[in-house]
Amino acid sequence: MSPADALRMTRCLRELVIGHALSVAMTQAGRSRKPEPGSPGYNLLAEAADATILDDHCGPGLTALLNGFTT
């Protein structure tokens, strides 16, 4: 891997981790913008968010990202 590609991968990982940490913090602080069930804006994406756990995507996403880096 070239130094430039290594820097790109490092930046990508950093932004994934920072973005995930911000998402968790905002949700725990009660500042989510997800519509409540029954409200006019409640849609399939909001319903899918309610069917998941806050941290259940970071591990699989990070694994997929890292596996892609090795190919």
N, C-alpha and C. Protein backbone atom coordinates (compact mmCIF):
# COMPACT_ATOMS: atom_id res chain seq x y z
N MET A 1 0.86 -1.17 0.00
CA MET A 1 0.00 0.00 0.00
C MET A 1 0.90 1.23 0.00
N SER A 2 0.56 2.15 -0.83
CA SER A 2 1.36 3.38 -0.89
C SER A 2 1.09 4.25 0.33
N PRO A 3 2.01 5.15 0.65
CA PRO A 3 1.76 6.07 1.78
C PRO A 3 0.48 6.89 1.59
N ALA A 4 0.20 7.32 0.38
CA ALA A 4 -1.02 8.10 0.14
C ALA A 4 -2.27 7.26 0.39
N ASP A 5 -2.26 6.00 -0.05
CA ASP A 5 -3.40 5.11 0.20
C ASP A 5 -3.55 4.82 1.69
N ALA A 6 -2.42 4.63 2.39
CA ALA A 6 -2.47 4.40 3.83
C ALA A 6 -3.08 5.60 4.54
N LEU A 7 -2.75 6.80 4.11
CA LEU A 7 -3.33 8.01 4.71
C LEU A 7 -4.83 8.07 4.44
N ARG A 8 -5.24 7.72 3.24
CA ARG A 8 -6.68 7.70 2.92
C ARG A 8 -7.43 6.72 3.81
N MET A 9 -6.87 5.54 4.01
CA MET A 9 -7.51 4.54 4.85
C MET A 9 -7.57 5.01 6.31
N THR A 10 -6.51 5.62 6.79
CA THR A 10 -6.49 6.13 8.15
C THR A 10 -7.55 7.21 8.34
N ARG A 11 -7.66 8.10 7.38
CA ARG A 11 -8.69 9.15 7.45
C ARG A 11 -10.10 8.55 7.45
N CYS A 12 -10.29 7.54 6.61
CA CYS A 12 -11.60 6.89 6.53
C CYS A 12 -11.96 6.25 7.87
N LEU A 13 -11.02 5.52 8.46
CA LEU A 13 -11.27 4.89 9.76
C LEU A 13 -11.54 5.94 10.84
N ARG A 14 -10.76 7.00 10.83
CA ARG A 14 -10.94 8.07 11.82
C ARG A 14 -12.34 8.66 11.72
N GLU A 15 -12.78 8.94 10.52
CA GLU A 15 -14.09 9.55 10.35
C GLU A 15 -15.22 8.58 10.69
N LEU A 16 -15.03 7.31 10.43
CA LEU A 16 -16.03 6.32 10.83
C LEU A 16 -16.15 6.29 12.35
N VAL A 17 -15.03 6.25 13.04
CA VAL A 17 -15.04 6.17 14.50
C VAL A 17 -15.61 7.46 15.11
N ILE A 18 -15.17 8.60 14.62
CA ILE A 18 -15.68 9.87 15.16
C ILE A 18 -17.17 10.02 14.87
N GLY A 19 -17.58 9.68 13.67
CA GLY A 19 -19.00 9.77 13.32
C GLY A 19 -19.86 8.86 14.19
N HIS A 20 -19.36 7.66 14.43
CA HIS A 20 -20.11 6.72 15.27
C HIS A 20 -20.20 7.26 16.70
N ALA A 21 -19.10 7.77 17.23
CA ALA A 21 -19.10 8.31 18.59
C ALA A 21 -20.07 9.49 18.70
N LEU A 22 -20.10 10.36 17.72
CA LEU A 22 -21.04 11.48 17.74
C LEU A 22 -22.48 11.00 17.67
N SER A 23 -22.74 10.01 16.84
CA SER A 23 -24.09 9.47 16.72
C SER A 23 -24.57 8.89 18.04
N VAL A 24 -23.72 8.11 18.70
CA VAL A 24 -24.07 7.52 19.99
C VAL A 24 -24.31 8.63 21.01
N ALA A 25 -23.43 9.60 21.06
CA ALA A 25 -23.56 10.69 22.04
C ALA A 25 -24.85 11.47 21.82
N MET A 26 -25.18 11.79 20.58
CA MET A 26 -26.39 12.56 20.30
C MET A 26 -27.64 11.78 20.67
N THR A 27 -27.64 10.49 20.39
CA THR A 27 -28.80 9.66 20.71
C THR A 27 -28.96 9.54 22.23
N GLN A 28 -27.86 9.31 22.92
CA GLN A 28 -27.92 9.18 24.38
C GLN A 28 -28.31 10.49 25.04
N ALA A 29 -28.00 11.61 24.41
CA ALA A 29 -28.37 12.91 24.96
C ALA A 29 -29.82 13.28 24.60
N GLY A 30 -30.50 12.39 23.87
CA GLY A 30 -31.89 12.66 23.51
C GLY A 30 -32.03 13.66 22.39
N ARG A 31 -31.02 13.77 21.55
CA ARG A 31 -31.05 14.77 20.48
C ARG A 31 -31.18 14.13 19.11
N SER A 32 -31.77 12.97 19.05
CA SER A 32 -31.98 12.28 17.78
C SER A 32 -33.04 13.03 16.98
N ARG A 33 -32.87 13.04 15.67
CA ARG A 33 -33.86 13.69 14.80
C ARG A 33 -34.85 12.69 14.22
N LYS A 34 -34.79 11.45 14.70
CA LYS A 34 -35.69 10.42 14.20
C LYS A 34 -37.12 10.71 14.65
N PRO A 35 -38.06 10.68 13.72
CA PRO A 35 -39.46 10.92 14.09
C PRO A 35 -39.98 9.82 15.02
N GLU A 36 -40.89 10.18 15.85
CA GLU A 36 -41.52 9.23 16.77
C GLU A 36 -42.58 8.40 16.03
N PRO A 37 -42.76 7.14 16.46
CA PRO A 37 -43.82 6.33 15.84
C PRO A 37 -45.17 7.04 15.92
N GLY A 38 -45.89 6.98 14.82
CA GLY A 38 -47.20 7.62 14.77
C GLY A 38 -47.16 9.05 14.28
N SER A 39 -45.99 9.68 14.24
CA SER A 39 -45.91 11.05 13.73
C SER A 39 -45.91 11.03 12.21
N PRO A 40 -46.24 12.15 11.58
CA PRO A 40 -46.32 12.18 10.11
C PRO A 40 -45.00 11.81 9.42
N GLY A 41 -43.87 12.12 10.02
CA GLY A 41 -42.59 11.84 9.38
C GLY A 41 -42.05 10.44 9.62
N TYR A 42 -42.76 9.64 10.42
CA TYR A 42 -42.29 8.29 10.71
C TYR A 42 -42.39 7.45 9.45
N ASN A 43 -41.24 6.97 8.97
CA ASN A 43 -41.19 6.26 7.70
C ASN A 43 -40.43 4.94 7.86
N LEU A 44 -40.13 4.29 6.73
CA LEU A 44 -39.44 2.99 6.78
C LEU A 44 -38.05 3.10 7.41
N LEU A 45 -37.34 4.19 7.16
CA LEU A 45 -36.02 4.36 7.75
C LEU A 45 -36.12 4.49 9.26
N ALA A 46 -37.07 5.28 9.74
CA ALA A 46 -37.27 5.42 11.19
C ALA A 46 -37.70 4.09 11.80
N GLU A 47 -38.55 3.36 11.10
CA GLU A 47 -38.98 2.05 11.59
C GLU A 47 -37.80 1.09 11.66
N ALA A 48 -36.94 1.11 10.65
CA ALA A 48 -35.75 0.25 10.66
C ALA A 48 -34.82 0.64 11.82
N ALA A 49 -34.70 1.93 12.09
CA ALA A 49 -33.86 2.38 13.21
C ALA A 49 -34.41 1.86 14.53
N ASP A 50 -35.72 1.81 14.66
CA ASP A 50 -36.33 1.29 15.89
C ASP A 50 -36.13 -0.22 16.03
N ALA A 51 -35.89 -0.90 14.91
CA ALA A 51 -35.72 -2.35 14.94
C ALA A 51 -34.26 -2.76 15.17
N THR A 52 -33.37 -1.79 15.35
CA THR A 52 -31.96 -2.10 15.56
C THR A 52 -31.50 -1.57 16.91
N ILE A 53 -30.30 -2.00 17.28
CA ILE A 53 -29.66 -1.51 18.50
C ILE A 53 -28.63 -0.47 18.08
N LEU A 54 -28.44 0.55 18.87
CA LEU A 54 -27.58 1.67 18.52
C LEU A 54 -26.18 1.25 18.06
N ASP A 55 -25.59 0.23 18.69
CA ASP A 55 -24.22 -0.15 18.37
C ASP A 55 -24.11 -1.37 17.47
N ASP A 56 -25.19 -1.88 16.91
CA ASP A 56 -25.09 -3.14 16.19
C ASP A 56 -24.54 -3.03 14.78
N HIS A 57 -24.25 -1.84 14.31
CA HIS A 57 -23.75 -1.69 12.94
C HIS A 57 -22.26 -1.36 12.87
N CYS A 58 -21.69 -0.84 13.92
CA CYS A 58 -20.31 -0.39 13.86
C CYS A 58 -19.34 -1.55 13.64
N GLY A 59 -19.49 -2.62 14.39
CA GLY A 59 -18.59 -3.77 14.24
C GLY A 59 -18.63 -4.39 12.86
N PRO A 60 -19.81 -4.75 12.36
CA PRO A 60 -19.86 -5.32 11.01
C PRO A 60 -19.39 -4.35 9.93
N GLY A 61 -19.73 -3.07 10.08
CA GLY A 61 -19.28 -2.08 9.10
C GLY A 61 -17.77 -1.92 9.11
N LEU A 62 -17.19 -1.87 10.29
CA LEU A 62 -15.74 -1.74 10.41
C LEU A 62 -15.05 -2.97 9.84
N THR A 63 -15.58 -4.16 10.12
CA THR A 63 -15.01 -5.39 9.57
C THR A 63 -15.05 -5.38 8.05
N ALA A 64 -16.17 -5.01 7.49
CA ALA A 64 -16.29 -4.95 6.02
C ALA A 64 -15.31 -3.93 5.45
N LEU A 65 -15.18 -2.81 6.10
CA LEU A 65 -14.25 -1.78 5.64
C LEU A 65 -12.81 -2.30 5.69
N LEU A 66 -12.43 -2.89 6.80
CA LEU A 66 -11.07 -3.41 6.93
C LEU A 66 -10.80 -4.56 5.96
N ASN A 67 -11.78 -5.43 5.74
CA ASN A 67 -11.61 -6.51 4.77
C ASN A 67 -11.43 -5.96 3.36
N GLY A 68 -12.12 -4.88 3.07
CA GLY A 68 -11.94 -4.24 1.77
C GLY A 68 -10.57 -3.61 1.61
N PHE A 69 -10.01 -3.15 2.71
CA PHE A 69 -8.68 -2.55 2.65
C PHE A 69 -7.62 -3.58 2.29
N THR A 70 -7.85 -4.84 2.65
CA THR A 70 -6.83 -5.86 2.42
C THR A 70 -6.88 -6.44 1.02
N THR A 71 -7.94 -6.15 0.27
CA THR A 71 -8.04 -6.71 -1.09
C THR A 71 -7.36 -5.83 -2.11
